[in-house]
Amino acid sequence: MKVAIVGTSGAVGQEFLRVLAERNFPLTDLVLFGSSRSAGSVYEFKGKKYTVKELQHNDDFKDVDIAFTSAGAGISKEFAETITKYGAVMIDNSSAFRMDKDVPLVVPEVNAADAKDRPRGIIANPNCTTIQMVVALKPLEELSHIKKVHVATYQAASGAGAAAMDELKNQYGQIERGEEPTVNKFAYQLAYNLIPQVDVPTENGYTKEEMKMYNETRKIMHSDVEVSATCVRVPALRAHSEVIWCETERPVSVAEAHEAFEKADGVILQDNLAEKVYPMPLFVAGKDAVYVGRVRGDLSNPNGISFWCVGDQIKKGAALNAVQIAEYLIKENDVRK
């Protein structure tokens, strides 16, 4: 099993290396790719050093079985044919192909089998906020069809990459020293602040990030669910949080929801308000699961239920989800067509 990582130097590329090692992924060879700027960099994986190669339109992917790509939508679009030409499965972490009809959009806990139908050899990894939400919605959907979702996200600096995380840390130090904080990665200072915009606006007044949650959720869940999202950047370092309100076809009790969450694949329930037990990004960072708490009935809707969920944006929201897709394909003996 020969594996390639495209975009090795980025936050998600580095997480790929950690996740593959943690899960003892059954690879026999590893090749790392990056831009001309990162070519020549050396990274260690399970005691062996690997040098980053410059990504080029050549035959470097001829013997690759699985390619994890996380170098941005532009690079994914430009190099997709080069990567898949000889039969490699491209599992792409960008937004390039997510809504293409001939590219499956996969979260293994929800729609793993969709990964088998990939006419272009490409599988898209969903947006991080969508991934954690659909993992949490799936057990409720199995109780009663979800008709509507309202969601407010609290998205960590990690969503904008490693440089954004560094900027947030630096801003706190600069402010404490009485210096003007450096602002490059976001439109405004993030330290001691909230920014109610993630991604660019669209014509309907929602941002691109918010529309991803609408469109991707419907595709992944094969559902007519209506999703209305408000996405907010918050000064947490890593792990996104979401408040989710669902309207189901029939009333779902808190006890039913608790039982469904406890049994669900990839979900950990932490819900005891009296004892101050609930998930928080500080403690979920670096974890695999999506954590759920604050489960309660919606006072404004008899068919409504709401909850709080937290997931590591770089891990389950990106690298881990992609690796789990690959693990599913290996288990199904479906890597090469």
Protein backbone atom coordinates (compact mmCIF):
# COMPACT_ATOMS: atom_id res chain seq x y z
CA MET A 1 0.00 0.00 0.00
CA LYS A 2 1.73 3.14 -1.26
CA VAL A 3 0.35 6.38 0.18
CA ALA A 4 0.97 9.95 -0.91
CA ILE A 5 0.29 13.17 1.00
CA VAL A 6 -0.06 16.36 -1.03
CA GLY A 7 0.36 19.52 1.03
CA THR A 8 2.52 17.93 3.70
CA SER A 9 3.77 21.15 5.28
CA GLY A 10 0.33 22.52 6.15
CA ALA A 11 -1.57 21.95 9.38
CA VAL A 12 -3.72 19.19 7.86
CA GLY A 13 -0.73 17.60 6.08
CA GLN A 14 1.09 17.36 9.39
CA GLU A 15 -2.04 15.92 11.00
CA PHE A 16 -2.16 13.26 8.27
CA LEU A 17 1.28 12.07 9.37
CA ARG A 18 0.20 11.92 13.03
CA VAL A 19 -3.09 10.15 12.31
CA LEU A 20 -1.53 7.57 9.98
CA ALA A 21 1.04 6.76 12.67
CA GLU A 22 -1.50 6.69 15.52
CA ARG A 23 -3.78 4.30 13.67
CA ASN A 24 -0.94 2.14 12.38
CA PHE A 25 -2.28 2.60 8.86
CA PRO A 26 -1.19 -0.36 6.69
CA LEU A 27 1.12 1.49 4.31
CA THR A 28 4.36 0.01 2.99
CA ASP A 29 5.61 3.17 1.27
CA LEU A 30 5.01 6.87 1.79
CA VAL A 31 5.71 9.77 -0.55
CA LEU A 32 5.30 13.43 0.41
CA PHE A 33 4.52 16.28 -1.98
CA GLY A 34 4.49 20.04 -1.63
CA SER A 35 5.09 23.30 -3.42
CA SER A 36 8.47 24.36 -4.78
CA ARG A 37 8.87 26.32 -1.54
CA SER A 38 8.43 23.27 0.70
CA ALA A 39 10.21 20.78 -1.58
CA GLY A 40 13.31 19.45 0.15
CA SER A 41 11.80 19.67 3.63
CA VAL A 42 12.30 16.52 5.67
CA TYR A 43 9.67 14.94 7.93
CA GLU A 44 9.87 11.88 10.13
CA PHE A 45 7.24 9.15 10.06
CA LYS A 46 7.51 6.13 12.36
CA GLY A 47 11.25 6.55 12.74
CA LYS A 48 12.03 7.04 9.06
CA LYS A 49 12.81 10.34 7.35
CA TYR A 50 11.02 11.41 4.16
CA THR A 51 11.90 14.30 1.88
CA VAL A 52 9.14 16.39 0.32
CA LYS A 53 9.03 16.27 -3.48
CA GLU A 54 7.76 19.13 -5.60
CA LEU A 55 4.30 18.39 -6.98
CA GLN A 56 4.56 18.27 -10.76
CA HIS A 57 2.67 16.97 -13.78
CA ASN A 58 4.66 13.77 -14.23
CA ASP A 59 4.44 10.05 -13.39
CA ASP A 60 5.18 10.34 -9.65
CA PHE A 61 1.75 8.87 -8.80
CA LYS A 62 2.11 5.81 -11.02
CA ASP A 63 2.41 3.33 -8.12
CA VAL A 64 0.42 5.29 -5.53
CA ASP A 65 -2.68 3.55 -4.15
CA ILE A 66 -4.15 6.36 -2.01
CA ALA A 67 -3.38 10.08 -2.22
CA PHE A 68 -4.49 12.40 0.57
CA THR A 69 -4.61 15.93 -0.83
CA SER A 70 -4.79 19.09 1.26
CA ALA A 71 -3.13 21.90 -0.69
CA GLY A 72 -6.17 24.00 -1.59
CA ALA A 73 -8.92 23.79 -4.19
CA GLY A 74 -6.85 25.29 -6.98
CA ILE A 75 -4.08 22.69 -6.64
CA SER A 76 -6.61 19.86 -6.33
CA LYS A 77 -8.36 20.89 -9.53
CA GLU A 78 -5.10 21.36 -11.43
CA PHE A 79 -3.52 18.06 -10.39
CA ALA A 80 -6.54 15.74 -10.05
CA GLU A 81 -5.96 14.07 -13.41
CA THR A 82 -2.22 13.70 -12.75
CA ILE A 83 -2.91 12.10 -9.35
CA THR A 84 -5.64 9.69 -10.49
CA LYS A 85 -4.30 8.86 -13.96
CA TYR A 86 -2.80 5.50 -12.97
CA GLY A 87 -5.55 4.39 -10.57
CA ALA A 88 -4.74 6.13 -7.30
CA VAL A 89 -7.73 7.02 -5.12
CA MET A 90 -7.62 10.75 -4.44
CA ILE A 91 -9.18 11.68 -1.09
CA ASP A 92 -9.38 15.43 -1.28
CA ASN A 93 -9.66 17.77 1.69
CA SER A 94 -10.42 20.92 -0.33
CA SER A 95 -13.74 22.35 -1.52
CA ALA A 96 -12.86 21.63 -5.16
CA PHE A 97 -15.13 18.67 -5.82
CA ARG A 98 -17.53 18.47 -2.89
CA MET A 99 -20.69 19.31 -4.78
CA ASP A 100 -19.77 17.57 -8.06
CA LYS A 101 -22.39 14.91 -8.81
CA ASP A 102 -19.77 12.36 -9.88
CA VAL A 103 -17.65 12.79 -6.71
CA PRO A 104 -18.87 11.19 -3.46
CA LEU A 105 -18.81 13.37 -0.34
CA VAL A 106 -18.16 11.02 2.55
CA VAL A 107 -18.28 10.87 6.33
CA PRO A 108 -17.73 7.18 7.19
CA GLU A 109 -20.09 7.13 10.20
CA VAL A 110 -22.88 8.43 7.96
CA ASN A 111 -22.47 7.32 4.32
CA ALA A 112 -19.34 5.17 3.99
CA ALA A 113 -20.72 3.12 1.09
CA ASP A 114 -20.87 6.23 -1.11
CA ALA A 115 -17.07 6.01 -1.35
CA LYS A 116 -17.40 2.98 -3.62
CA ASP A 117 -19.04 4.97 -6.39
CA ARG A 118 -16.22 7.24 -7.57
CA PRO A 119 -16.14 7.37 -11.39
CA ARG A 120 -13.35 9.97 -11.40
CA GLY A 121 -11.28 8.22 -8.74
CA ILE A 122 -11.90 11.14 -6.38
CA ILE A 123 -13.59 11.18 -2.96
CA ALA A 124 -14.25 14.53 -1.32
CA ASN A 125 -13.74 15.18 2.37
CA PRO A 126 -16.50 17.52 3.61
CA ASN A 127 -16.06 20.85 5.34
CA CYS A 128 -14.99 20.51 8.97
CA THR A 129 -18.14 22.08 10.42
CA THR A 130 -20.33 19.79 8.32
CA ILE A 131 -18.42 16.65 9.31
CA GLN A 132 -18.93 17.05 13.04
CA MET A 133 -22.55 18.10 12.62
CA VAL A 134 -23.61 15.13 10.46
CA VAL A 135 -21.83 12.66 12.76
CA ALA A 136 -24.00 14.02 15.59
CA LEU A 137 -27.18 14.24 13.48
CA LYS A 138 -27.00 10.66 12.20
CA PRO A 139 -28.20 8.96 15.42
CA LEU A 140 -31.14 11.38 15.66
CA GLU A 141 -32.02 10.86 11.99
CA GLU A 142 -32.28 7.14 12.73
CA LEU A 143 -34.89 7.90 15.41
CA SER A 144 -36.96 10.31 13.32
CA HIS A 145 -36.33 12.13 10.05
CA ILE A 146 -34.78 15.55 10.64
CA LYS A 147 -36.73 18.21 8.73
CA LYS A 148 -34.87 21.37 9.79
CA VAL A 149 -31.60 22.30 11.46
CA HIS A 150 -30.53 25.64 12.84
CA VAL A 151 -26.86 25.76 13.78
CA ALA A 152 -24.52 28.36 15.22
CA THR A 153 -20.83 27.53 15.00
CA TYR A 154 -17.98 28.68 17.21
CA GLN A 155 -14.97 28.05 15.00
CA ALA A 156 -11.40 27.97 16.30
CA ALA A 157 -8.40 29.67 14.73
CA SER A 158 -7.25 26.25 13.47
CA GLY A 159 -9.85 26.50 10.72
CA ALA A 160 -7.61 29.03 8.99
CA GLY A 161 -4.45 26.94 9.35
CA ALA A 162 -1.30 26.78 11.44
CA ALA A 163 -0.37 30.42 10.75
CA ALA A 164 -3.74 31.57 12.12
CA MET A 165 -3.19 29.59 15.31
CA ASP A 166 0.22 31.21 15.71
CA GLU A 167 -1.28 34.64 15.06
CA LEU A 168 -3.89 34.18 17.79
CA LYS A 169 -1.22 33.15 20.31
CA ASN A 170 0.98 36.06 19.29
CA GLN A 171 -1.87 38.56 19.56
CA TYR A 172 -2.42 37.79 23.23
CA GLY A 173 1.27 38.35 23.94
CA GLN A 174 1.37 41.56 21.91
CA ILE A 175 -1.69 42.96 23.67
CA GLU A 176 -0.28 42.12 27.11
CA ARG A 177 2.93 43.95 26.18
CA GLY A 178 0.96 47.00 25.05
CA GLU A 179 1.82 46.44 21.40
CA GLU A 180 -0.47 46.73 18.40
CA PRO A 181 -1.56 43.16 17.57
CA THR A 182 -0.60 41.73 14.20
CA VAL A 183 -3.66 41.04 12.02
CA ASN A 184 -3.05 39.07 8.84
CA LYS A 185 -5.12 35.88 8.83
CA PHE A 186 -8.49 37.37 9.74
CA ALA A 187 -10.26 40.64 8.94
CA TYR A 188 -10.00 41.71 12.58
CA GLN A 189 -8.07 40.93 15.73
CA LEU A 190 -9.31 37.54 17.00
CA ALA A 191 -7.84 37.71 20.53
CA TYR A 192 -10.51 38.87 23.01
CA ASN A 193 -12.97 39.02 20.11
CA LEU A 194 -15.58 37.15 18.03
CA ILE A 195 -15.90 37.58 14.27
CA PRO A 196 -19.38 36.76 12.88
CA GLN A 197 -18.07 35.93 9.41
CA VAL A 198 -16.30 32.79 8.19
CA ASP A 199 -15.52 32.83 4.44
CA VAL A 200 -16.84 35.23 1.80
CA PRO A 201 -20.45 36.45 1.41
CA THR A 202 -22.86 34.92 -1.11
CA GLU A 203 -25.79 36.64 -2.81
CA ASN A 204 -28.35 35.48 -0.24
CA GLY A 205 -26.55 37.07 2.71
CA TYR A 206 -25.09 33.82 4.00
CA THR A 207 -21.38 33.17 3.80
CA LYS A 208 -19.82 30.46 1.68
CA GLU A 209 -19.08 28.51 4.89
CA GLU A 210 -22.73 28.67 5.93
CA MET A 211 -23.89 27.51 2.51
CA LYS A 212 -21.44 24.59 2.66
CA MET A 213 -23.27 23.39 5.76
CA TYR A 214 -26.60 23.58 3.90
CA ASN A 215 -25.53 21.88 0.69
CA GLU A 216 -23.06 19.33 2.05
CA THR A 217 -25.40 18.07 4.78
CA ARG A 218 -28.11 17.30 2.22
CA LYS A 219 -25.66 15.46 -0.05
CA ILE A 220 -24.03 13.39 2.71
CA MET A 221 -27.28 12.43 4.43
CA HIS A 222 -29.23 11.94 1.17
CA SER A 223 -31.83 14.16 2.76
CA ASP A 224 -34.19 17.05 2.09
CA VAL A 225 -33.22 18.61 5.45
CA GLU A 226 -33.15 22.40 5.52
CA VAL A 227 -30.10 23.86 7.28
CA SER A 228 -29.73 27.47 8.39
CA ALA A 229 -26.26 28.26 9.74
CA THR A 230 -24.47 31.20 11.33
CA CYS A 231 -20.71 30.69 11.46
CA VAL A 232 -18.59 32.61 13.95
CA ARG A 233 -14.83 32.67 14.43
CA VAL A 234 -13.89 32.56 18.13
CA PRO A 235 -10.54 32.88 19.96
CA ALA A 236 -10.24 29.17 20.70
CA LEU A 237 -7.06 27.61 19.37
CA ARG A 238 -8.24 24.24 18.10
CA ALA A 239 -11.58 22.35 17.96
CA HIS A 240 -14.84 23.78 16.67
CA SER A 241 -18.05 23.98 18.70
CA GLU A 242 -21.64 24.07 17.47
CA VAL A 243 -25.08 24.64 18.94
CA ILE A 244 -27.60 22.64 16.92
CA TRP A 245 -31.40 22.88 16.97
CA CYS A 246 -33.25 20.08 15.13
CA GLU A 247 -36.87 19.70 14.14
CA THR A 248 -37.81 16.05 13.68
CA GLU A 249 -40.95 14.50 12.20
CA ARG A 250 -42.01 13.25 15.62
CA PRO A 251 -41.00 14.36 19.09
CA VAL A 252 -37.71 12.83 20.26
CA SER A 253 -37.22 12.75 24.02
CA VAL A 254 -33.97 13.60 25.76
CA ALA A 255 -33.78 10.02 27.01
CA GLU A 256 -34.11 8.67 23.44
CA ALA A 257 -31.50 11.10 22.20
CA HIS A 258 -29.11 10.18 25.01
CA GLU A 259 -29.43 6.49 24.20
CA ALA A 260 -28.91 7.14 20.49
CA PHE A 261 -25.81 9.26 21.09
CA GLU A 262 -24.35 6.69 23.49
CA LYS A 263 -24.69 3.94 20.88
CA ALA A 264 -23.55 6.04 17.90
CA ASP A 265 -20.29 5.39 16.10
CA GLY A 266 -17.85 8.26 16.55
CA VAL A 267 -19.87 10.10 19.21
CA ILE A 268 -19.11 10.52 22.92
CA LEU A 269 -21.88 11.85 25.16
CA GLN A 270 -20.87 14.15 28.03
CA ASP A 271 -24.08 15.55 29.46
CA ASN A 272 -24.60 16.28 33.13
CA LEU A 273 -25.34 19.95 33.59
CA ALA A 274 -25.73 19.70 37.38
CA GLU A 275 -22.18 18.35 37.63
CA LYS A 276 -20.88 20.81 34.99
CA VAL A 277 -20.14 17.95 32.58
CA TYR A 278 -20.19 18.98 28.91
CA PRO A 279 -17.66 19.02 26.08
CA MET A 280 -15.36 22.01 25.60
CA PRO A 281 -12.76 22.71 22.89
CA LEU A 282 -9.97 22.92 25.46
CA PHE A 283 -10.41 19.23 26.27
CA VAL A 284 -11.55 17.91 22.88
CA ALA A 285 -8.49 19.16 20.98
CA GLY A 286 -6.53 16.14 19.74
CA LYS A 287 -9.44 13.70 20.24
CA ASP A 288 -10.96 11.50 17.53
CA ALA A 289 -14.66 11.60 18.39
CA VAL A 290 -17.38 14.21 18.13
CA TYR A 291 -18.46 15.10 21.66
CA VAL A 292 -22.09 15.93 22.49
CA GLY A 293 -23.68 17.54 25.53
CA ARG A 294 -26.41 19.96 26.72
CA VAL A 295 -29.10 17.79 25.13
CA ARG A 296 -32.56 19.25 25.77
CA GLY A 297 -35.99 19.71 24.29
CA ASP A 298 -36.66 22.89 22.36
CA LEU A 299 -39.07 25.06 24.38
CA SER A 300 -40.33 26.71 21.19
CA ASN A 301 -41.08 23.54 19.23
CA PRO A 302 -42.63 20.27 20.48
CA ASN A 303 -40.75 18.38 17.73
CA GLY A 304 -37.51 20.17 18.49
CA ILE A 305 -34.36 19.00 20.25
CA SER A 306 -31.13 20.91 20.71
CA PHE A 307 -27.61 20.04 21.74
CA TRP A 308 -24.03 21.26 21.87
CA CYS A 309 -21.23 19.45 20.05
CA VAL A 310 -17.46 19.85 19.82
CA GLY A 311 -14.95 18.26 17.47
CA ASP A 312 -11.29 18.70 16.64
CA GLN A 313 -11.31 20.62 13.37
CA ILE A 314 -7.91 19.43 12.15
CA LYS A 315 -8.42 15.83 13.24
CA LYS A 316 -12.00 14.56 12.73
CA GLY A 317 -12.81 17.67 10.73
CA ALA A 318 -10.07 16.93 8.20
CA ALA A 319 -7.25 14.38 8.40
CA LEU A 320 -8.91 11.66 10.48
CA ASN A 321 -12.07 11.63 8.38
CA ALA A 322 -9.99 11.18 5.22
CA VAL A 323 -7.97 8.35 6.77
CA GLN A 324 -11.17 6.65 7.95
CA ILE A 325 -12.44 6.76 4.34
CA ALA A 326 -9.23 5.04 3.23
CA GLU A 327 -9.56 2.45 6.00
CA TYR A 328 -13.10 1.69 4.84
CA LEU A 329 -11.91 1.16 1.25
CA ILE A 330 -9.16 -1.17 2.43
CA LYS A 331 -11.62 -3.13 4.55
CA GLU A 332 -13.93 -3.45 1.52
CA ASN A 333 -10.97 -4.42 -0.72
CA ASP A 334 -11.92 -1.46 -2.91
CA VAL A 335 -8.78 0.65 -3.23
CA ARG A 336 -8.05 0.14 -6.93
CA LYS A 337 -10.78 -0.17 -9.56
